[in-house]
Amino acid sequence: MTSSRREKIEAMLADEPNDPFLRYSLALEQDKAGQHDESLAALRALAEGEPPYVPAFFMAGQQLARLDRTDEARAILRTGIEAARQQNDLHAAGEMSEFLTSLP
């Protein structure tokens, strides 16, 4: 029996529970599985980390937009754009800005 991607991520997280990339990866798997509340909670925790994990803002914004929670998507994207600029990640800031302007 082969392990699923999610099981592999969870096993790695058992060894490295604070690894932001592994936590982000698990949140993406939760999203794919339709576990949106868990996924969004994990992404928000990463976004509120020190330093904030910039990719979490974009993914949360996209997920919220898919769930027709546009106001929440806009809010997290705006915060993410600022966090990205503070970390001098202008590429991420630009991607989030483009996505933000595409929202209805």
Protein backbone atom coordinates (compact mmCIF):
# COMPACT_ATOMS: atom_id res chain seq x y z
CA MET A 1 0.00 0.00 0.00
CA THR A 2 1.43 3.36 -0.98
CA SER A 3 1.11 6.44 1.14
CA SER A 4 -0.89 9.37 -0.15
CA ARG A 5 0.75 12.74 -0.60
CA ARG A 6 -1.14 13.97 2.44
CA GLU A 7 0.04 11.05 4.57
CA LYS A 8 3.64 11.73 3.55
CA ILE A 9 3.27 15.42 4.44
CA GLU A 10 1.70 14.53 7.80
CA ALA A 11 4.56 12.11 8.55
CA MET A 12 7.15 14.80 7.76
CA LEU A 13 5.22 17.29 9.91
CA ALA A 14 5.45 14.88 12.84
CA ASP A 15 9.23 15.37 12.66
CA GLU A 16 9.16 19.07 11.71
CA PRO A 17 5.89 20.52 13.10
CA ASN A 18 6.94 24.14 12.57
CA ASP A 19 8.10 23.80 8.96
CA PRO A 20 6.07 26.45 7.12
CA PHE A 21 6.33 24.77 3.71
CA LEU A 22 5.04 21.46 5.09
CA ARG A 23 2.22 23.24 6.92
CA TYR A 24 1.37 25.08 3.68
CA SER A 25 1.45 21.83 1.72
CA LEU A 26 -0.94 20.19 4.18
CA ALA A 27 -3.31 23.16 3.87
CA LEU A 28 -3.33 22.69 0.08
CA GLU A 29 -4.16 19.00 0.51
CA GLN A 30 -6.98 19.93 2.90
CA ASP A 31 -8.35 22.33 0.29
CA LYS A 32 -8.25 19.60 -2.37
CA ALA A 33 -10.15 17.31 0.02
CA GLY A 34 -12.87 19.93 0.52
CA GLN A 35 -11.80 20.61 4.12
CA HIS A 36 -11.97 24.35 3.63
CA ASP A 37 -12.31 25.42 7.26
CA GLU A 38 -9.23 23.42 8.24
CA SER A 39 -7.30 24.62 5.22
CA LEU A 40 -8.16 28.28 5.76
CA ALA A 41 -7.32 28.03 9.48
CA ALA A 42 -3.91 26.59 8.61
CA LEU A 43 -3.27 29.27 5.98
CA ARG A 44 -4.30 32.03 8.40
CA ALA A 45 -1.95 30.64 11.05
CA LEU A 46 0.90 30.75 8.52
CA ALA A 47 -0.07 34.28 7.48
CA GLU A 48 0.01 35.37 11.12
CA GLY A 49 3.37 33.72 11.76
CA GLU A 50 6.61 35.54 12.34
CA PRO A 51 7.60 36.23 9.67
CA PRO A 52 4.33 35.86 7.77
CA TYR A 53 4.45 33.07 5.16
CA VAL A 54 3.62 35.09 2.05
CA PRO A 55 2.31 32.24 -0.17
CA ALA A 56 -0.38 31.53 2.43
CA PHE A 57 -2.06 34.88 1.77
CA PHE A 58 -2.40 34.24 -1.96
CA MET A 59 -3.67 30.69 -1.53
CA ALA A 60 -6.18 31.77 1.13
CA GLY A 61 -7.36 34.58 -1.13
CA GLN A 62 -7.85 32.20 -4.04
CA GLN A 63 -9.67 29.67 -1.88
CA LEU A 64 -11.96 32.31 -0.37
CA ALA A 65 -12.76 33.62 -3.85
CA ARG A 66 -13.68 30.09 -5.01
CA LEU A 67 -15.98 29.84 -2.00
CA ASP A 68 -17.68 33.14 -2.96
CA ARG A 69 -16.27 34.82 0.14
CA THR A 70 -14.99 37.75 -1.91
CA ASP A 71 -14.83 40.35 0.88
CA GLU A 72 -12.68 38.03 2.98
CA ALA A 73 -10.54 37.26 -0.07
CA ARG A 74 -9.96 40.97 -0.69
CA ALA A 75 -9.00 41.57 2.95
CA ILE A 76 -6.45 38.77 3.14
CA LEU A 77 -4.98 39.70 -0.24
CA ARG A 78 -4.50 43.32 0.84
CA THR A 79 -2.73 42.16 4.00
CA GLY A 80 -0.68 39.73 1.94
CA ILE A 81 0.41 42.39 -0.52
CA GLU A 82 1.71 44.49 2.37
CA ALA A 83 3.48 41.48 3.94
CA ALA A 84 5.07 40.62 0.60
CA ARG A 85 6.30 44.20 0.14
CA GLN A 86 7.76 44.22 3.65
CA GLN A 87 9.67 41.04 2.77
CA ASN A 88 10.70 42.58 -0.56
CA ASP A 89 8.83 39.85 -2.45
CA LEU A 90 7.61 42.08 -5.24
CA HIS A 91 6.70 39.14 -7.47
CA ALA A 92 4.22 37.79 -4.91
CA ALA A 93 2.90 41.29 -4.24
CA GLY A 94 2.32 41.74 -7.97
CA GLU A 95 0.55 38.39 -8.35
CA MET A 96 -1.74 39.14 -5.42
CA SER A 97 -2.44 42.64 -6.74
CA GLU A 98 -3.42 41.25 -10.13
CA PHE A 99 -5.69 38.67 -8.55
CA LEU A 100 -7.23 41.29 -6.27
CA THR A 101 -8.14 43.51 -9.23
CA SER A 102 -9.68 40.51 -11.03
CA LEU A 103 -12.20 39.91 -8.24
CA PRO A 104 -15.79 40.98 -8.96
